[in-house]
Amino acid sequence: MKHTAMYSFEAVVRGLLLIGFAFMTLKLYLTGDILHFISPRMIWFTKFFILTAFTLGILSIMWRKQDNRYSCSVCACSHQHPQTHPWLYSFFLIPIASGFLFPNHVLTNEIAQNRMFSTNGSIDDIKSETNAGEEGTASTLPSGYEKELARQMEQEETISVVDKYYVPVVHLLMENPESYEGKEIHIKGFVYFDEQLNRYIIGRYGISCCIADATVYGLPVGFSKKPEIKAGEWVYLTGKLTTIDQDGERLPNISVTNTQKISTPKSPYVYEIIEDLTPK
């Protein structure tokens, strides 16, 4: 008697979940919200995942059949296995739904307290966090990059910290604050008060690969009077670069001359870049 092959329920569900993840990632990619989670240099991996997940999902639905309802859909044998409860797959709907419903979520200033400064508040730890450790800016920049960027900054009377060069500029200011003392600076970011330094900080989250390794890159700021700024608000600051002594070491400081509140940028994060500025 001819036997009609049946689709494996689990194979169909797995295929639909893969397609769901593919469409969720595609939506984040098309809207640009994917950059809230990964660095631009990881976009190629995102494209590969979208194509692969969608293809595997279609193949899972088309090819994963079973000869009878008791055959195993995993090892293609004829013996019985305990049936999987369908509700277990519902857990995979949570990240898919989150990707569609909450794509604009960004890290807040509360996390900055833990990510920029260590609990003991030592300056060495502050600088190591700003440098992003062995996997941060200093280790990923090509030879000659910082030297050329520093030369450009020293020649200019005004330092405008643009998004593209935010990470290396802050790194250079932290490493050698005396070289830039007296220069005017323009910078934007969110502001919060750090109790360990007893100072306000303006900073932004920098991403190397993904949101899990986000590190706050920021600078201490000094206001002539208590600012009317709530913690976490975004501002555009203009000021003069000075230096301050903290536990025997010199740190850069922005003496603010003008403060302008701004909206949270569409792309609030900055990213570590790999671009050789050395003259060819």
Protein backbone atom coordinates (compact mmCIF):
# COMPACT_ATOMS: atom_id res chain seq x y z
CA MET A 1 0.00 0.00 0.00
CA LYS A 2 1.33 3.38 -0.93
CA HIS A 3 2.21 5.49 2.09
CA THR A 4 1.91 9.28 2.01
CA ALA A 5 4.87 11.12 3.54
CA MET A 6 3.99 13.58 6.26
CA TYR A 7 5.68 16.83 7.11
CA SER A 8 7.50 16.77 10.42
CA PHE A 9 5.83 19.28 12.71
CA GLU A 10 9.13 20.15 14.34
CA ALA A 11 10.83 20.68 10.98
CA VAL A 12 8.10 23.06 9.85
CA VAL A 13 8.27 25.05 13.11
CA ARG A 14 12.06 25.24 12.95
CA GLY A 15 11.86 26.42 9.37
CA LEU A 16 9.34 29.13 10.24
CA LEU A 17 11.50 30.28 13.15
CA LEU A 18 14.56 30.56 10.89
CA ILE A 19 12.55 32.57 8.38
CA GLY A 20 11.28 34.75 11.24
CA PHE A 21 14.82 35.48 12.40
CA ALA A 22 15.82 36.25 8.80
CA PHE A 23 12.97 38.74 8.33
CA MET A 24 13.63 40.33 11.74
CA THR A 25 17.30 40.86 10.88
CA LEU A 26 16.38 42.11 7.40
CA LYS A 27 14.02 44.65 8.94
CA LEU A 28 16.76 45.90 11.30
CA TYR A 29 19.19 46.09 8.38
CA LEU A 30 16.85 48.04 6.09
CA THR A 31 15.90 50.54 8.80
CA GLY A 32 19.49 51.00 9.98
CA ASP A 33 18.59 49.91 13.51
CA ILE A 34 21.03 47.02 13.17
CA LEU A 35 23.78 49.53 14.04
CA HIS A 36 22.31 49.69 17.56
CA PHE A 37 23.62 46.18 18.05
CA ILE A 38 26.72 45.68 15.89
CA SER A 39 29.58 47.65 14.36
CA PRO A 40 29.34 48.61 10.66
CA ARG A 41 32.26 46.32 9.89
CA MET A 42 30.05 43.36 10.90
CA ILE A 43 27.36 44.14 8.31
CA TRP A 44 28.69 41.52 5.91
CA PHE A 45 28.07 38.85 8.54
CA THR A 46 24.52 40.16 8.92
CA LYS A 47 23.88 39.81 5.19
CA PHE A 48 25.28 36.29 5.26
CA PHE A 49 23.04 35.37 8.20
CA ILE A 50 19.90 36.73 6.49
CA LEU A 51 20.55 34.71 3.34
CA THR A 52 21.57 31.57 5.20
CA ALA A 53 18.70 31.60 7.71
CA PHE A 54 16.09 32.21 5.03
CA THR A 55 17.51 29.46 2.80
CA LEU A 56 17.72 26.91 5.63
CA GLY A 57 14.21 27.81 6.73
CA ILE A 58 12.78 27.14 3.27
CA LEU A 59 14.74 23.89 2.95
CA SER A 60 13.58 22.75 6.38
CA ILE A 61 9.95 23.19 5.37
CA MET A 62 10.41 21.60 1.95
CA TRP A 63 12.65 18.63 2.69
CA ARG A 64 12.19 17.59 6.29
CA LYS A 65 9.59 14.88 5.87
CA GLN A 66 8.95 11.71 7.83
CA ASP A 67 7.68 8.39 6.46
CA ASN A 68 5.20 7.99 9.28
CA ARG A 69 4.15 9.93 12.28
CA TYR A 70 6.28 7.82 14.59
CA SER A 71 9.58 8.16 12.74
CA CYS A 72 12.28 10.37 14.19
CA SER A 73 12.63 13.71 12.41
CA VAL A 74 16.18 14.15 13.70
CA CYS A 75 17.96 10.88 12.93
CA ALA A 76 15.47 9.48 10.32
CA CYS A 77 15.09 6.21 12.21
CA SER A 78 11.85 4.28 12.74
CA HIS A 79 11.90 4.03 16.52
CA GLN A 80 9.89 6.33 18.73
CA HIS A 81 11.25 9.31 20.64
CA PRO A 82 9.50 11.36 23.30
CA GLN A 83 7.48 14.02 21.51
CA THR A 84 8.63 17.63 21.88
CA HIS A 85 6.09 19.88 23.46
CA PRO A 86 5.13 22.58 20.93
CA TRP A 87 5.16 25.30 23.59
CA LEU A 88 8.93 24.92 23.94
CA TYR A 89 9.35 26.63 20.57
CA SER A 90 7.44 29.66 21.84
CA PHE A 91 10.56 30.81 23.67
CA PHE A 92 12.19 31.52 20.30
CA LEU A 93 9.41 33.96 19.51
CA ILE A 94 10.63 36.32 22.25
CA PRO A 95 13.78 37.58 20.46
CA ILE A 96 11.89 37.76 17.15
CA ALA A 97 9.12 39.85 18.70
CA SER A 98 11.66 42.04 20.50
CA GLY A 99 13.46 42.75 17.23
CA PHE A 100 10.23 43.96 15.62
CA LEU A 101 8.78 45.82 18.61
CA PHE A 102 11.84 47.33 20.34
CA PRO A 103 14.49 48.03 17.66
CA ASN A 104 15.40 51.52 18.96
CA HIS A 105 16.49 50.58 22.46
CA VAL A 106 19.88 52.06 23.33
CA LEU A 107 22.18 51.85 26.34
CA THR A 108 21.48 54.42 29.02
CA ASN A 109 23.72 56.52 31.25
CA GLU A 110 23.14 54.20 34.24
CA ILE A 111 25.29 51.55 32.57
CA ALA A 112 28.02 54.11 31.93
CA GLN A 113 28.86 54.22 35.66
CA ASN A 114 29.95 50.58 35.50
CA ARG A 115 31.52 50.56 32.06
CA MET A 116 33.78 53.58 32.14
CA PHE A 117 35.17 53.63 35.65
CA SER A 118 36.10 50.71 37.85
CA THR A 119 34.87 50.43 41.40
CA ASN A 120 38.15 51.57 42.91
CA GLY A 121 38.19 54.71 40.75
CA SER A 122 41.89 54.53 39.87
CA ILE A 123 43.12 56.61 36.96
CA ASP A 124 44.90 53.63 35.44
CA ASP A 125 41.57 51.85 35.21
CA ILE A 126 39.92 54.92 33.71
CA LYS A 127 42.53 55.07 30.98
CA SER A 128 42.46 51.35 30.37
CA GLU A 129 38.70 51.51 29.87
CA THR A 130 39.02 54.49 27.57
CA ASN A 131 41.64 52.66 25.55
CA ALA A 132 39.29 49.66 25.43
CA GLY A 133 41.96 47.25 26.60
CA GLU A 134 43.94 44.89 24.40
CA GLU A 135 41.06 44.55 21.96
CA GLY A 136 40.28 48.26 21.77
CA THR A 137 41.31 51.21 19.71
CA ALA A 138 45.05 51.08 20.31
CA SER A 139 45.36 47.45 19.23
CA THR A 140 43.15 47.74 16.13
CA LEU A 141 44.42 50.99 14.64
CA PRO A 142 47.02 50.52 11.87
CA SER A 143 50.59 51.66 12.26
CA GLY A 144 50.96 55.40 11.88
CA TYR A 145 47.28 56.16 12.38
CA GLU A 146 47.40 57.87 15.76
CA LYS A 147 50.63 59.70 14.96
CA GLU A 148 49.09 61.33 11.88
CA LEU A 149 45.80 62.09 13.64
CA ALA A 150 47.66 63.63 16.59
CA ARG A 151 49.69 65.80 14.18
CA GLN A 152 46.49 67.09 12.61
CA MET A 153 44.94 67.83 15.99
CA GLU A 154 48.03 69.70 17.23
CA GLN A 155 48.00 71.95 14.17
CA GLU A 156 44.36 72.98 14.60
CA GLU A 157 43.19 75.61 17.08
CA THR A 158 39.72 74.04 17.31
CA ILE A 159 39.07 70.32 17.76
CA SER A 160 35.66 69.25 16.46
CA VAL A 161 34.98 65.71 17.63
CA VAL A 162 32.98 64.23 14.77
CA ASP A 163 31.29 60.85 15.03
CA LYS A 164 33.70 59.05 12.71
CA TYR A 165 36.81 59.98 14.69
CA TYR A 166 35.22 60.16 18.14
CA VAL A 167 36.98 57.11 19.58
CA PRO A 168 40.57 57.86 18.48
CA VAL A 169 40.27 61.57 19.34
CA VAL A 170 39.10 60.85 22.89
CA HIS A 171 41.84 58.26 23.18
CA LEU A 172 44.52 60.80 22.21
CA LEU A 173 43.14 63.43 24.59
CA MET A 174 43.24 60.96 27.46
CA GLU A 175 46.75 59.79 26.64
CA ASN A 176 48.40 63.21 26.27
CA PRO A 177 46.14 65.98 27.59
CA GLU A 178 48.92 68.57 27.93
CA SER A 179 49.48 68.62 24.15
CA TYR A 180 46.00 69.98 23.52
CA GLU A 181 45.60 72.29 26.51
CA GLY A 182 44.12 75.67 25.59
CA LYS A 183 42.48 74.51 22.38
CA GLU A 184 38.78 74.98 21.77
CA ILE A 185 36.72 71.81 21.51
CA HIS A 186 33.27 70.98 20.16
CA ILE A 187 31.77 67.68 21.24
CA LYS A 188 28.37 66.05 21.65
CA GLY A 189 27.25 63.21 23.88
CA PHE A 190 25.20 62.36 26.93
CA VAL A 191 26.12 63.86 30.30
CA TYR A 192 26.09 62.23 33.71
CA PHE A 193 27.70 62.90 37.07
CA ASP A 194 30.37 60.48 38.20
CA GLU A 195 30.59 60.28 41.97
CA GLN A 196 34.04 58.67 41.98
CA LEU A 197 35.61 61.59 40.12
CA ASN A 198 33.12 64.11 41.54
CA ARG A 199 32.77 65.51 38.04
CA TYR A 200 30.41 65.54 35.13
CA ILE A 201 31.30 63.34 32.18
CA ILE A 202 30.31 63.77 28.55
CA GLY A 203 30.58 60.55 26.61
CA ARG A 204 29.23 58.09 24.11
CA TYR A 205 29.21 54.34 23.83
CA GLY A 206 31.80 52.97 21.43
CA ILE A 207 31.32 49.58 19.81
CA SER A 208 34.11 47.39 18.52
CA CYS A 209 32.13 44.37 17.30
CA CYS A 210 28.73 44.26 19.01
CA ILE A 211 26.75 45.88 21.80
CA ALA A 212 28.10 43.37 24.34
CA ASP A 213 31.58 44.99 24.20
CA ALA A 214 30.31 48.59 24.30
CA THR A 215 32.63 50.90 26.22
CA VAL A 216 32.02 54.50 27.23
CA TYR A 217 34.43 56.96 25.63
CA GLY A 218 34.18 60.27 27.42
CA LEU A 219 35.87 63.30 28.93
CA PRO A 220 35.45 65.13 32.25
CA VAL A 221 33.74 68.50 31.95
CA GLY A 222 33.59 71.52 34.23
CA PHE A 223 30.72 74.00 34.33
CA SER A 224 30.97 77.53 35.72
CA LYS A 225 27.69 76.87 37.54
CA LYS A 226 25.54 73.83 38.18
CA PRO A 227 24.05 72.92 34.82
CA GLU A 228 20.34 72.47 34.29
CA ILE A 229 20.89 69.11 32.68
CA LYS A 230 19.34 65.83 33.69
CA ALA A 231 21.51 62.73 33.81
CA GLY A 232 21.53 61.06 30.42
CA GLU A 233 20.48 64.12 28.42
CA TRP A 234 22.31 64.78 25.17
CA VAL A 235 24.14 68.07 24.75
CA TYR A 236 26.46 69.82 22.34
CA LEU A 237 29.29 71.41 24.30
CA THR A 238 31.76 74.12 23.38
CA GLY A 239 34.68 74.78 25.69
CA LYS A 240 38.40 75.07 26.32
CA LEU A 241 40.60 72.08 26.95
CA THR A 242 42.37 72.19 30.29
CA THR A 243 43.93 69.58 32.53
CA ILE A 244 43.08 68.47 36.04
CA ASP A 245 45.00 66.50 38.63
CA GLN A 246 43.35 63.30 39.82
CA ASP A 247 45.26 61.11 42.26
CA GLY A 248 48.60 62.37 40.96
CA GLU A 249 47.86 62.00 37.25
CA ARG A 250 46.76 64.49 34.64
CA LEU A 251 43.42 64.15 32.92
CA PRO A 252 41.86 66.29 30.19
CA ASN A 253 38.99 68.53 31.19
CA ILE A 254 36.57 70.65 29.20
CA SER A 255 35.88 74.08 30.69
CA VAL A 256 32.46 74.62 29.19
CA THR A 257 31.66 77.99 27.60
CA ASN A 258 28.42 77.03 25.87
CA THR A 259 25.88 74.25 26.35
CA GLN A 260 23.15 73.33 23.91
CA LYS A 261 20.66 70.53 24.57
CA ILE A 262 20.06 68.26 21.59
CA SER A 263 17.93 65.24 20.79
CA THR A 264 19.34 61.75 20.95
CA PRO A 265 20.98 61.11 17.56
CA LYS A 266 19.52 58.47 15.27
CA SER A 267 22.89 56.73 15.58
CA PRO A 268 23.87 57.30 19.23
CA TYR A 269 26.87 54.99 19.16
CA VAL A 270 30.34 55.55 17.77
CA TYR A 271 32.50 52.83 16.32
CA GLU A 272 36.15 51.89 16.30
CA ILE A 273 37.54 52.50 12.84
CA ILE A 274 40.37 50.95 10.92
CA GLU A 275 41.60 53.52 8.43
CA ASP A 276 45.20 54.40 7.76
CA LEU A 277 45.73 58.18 7.68
CA THR A 278 49.46 57.87 7.07
CA PRO A 279 50.43 59.77 3.91
CA LYS A 280 51.11 57.35 1.07
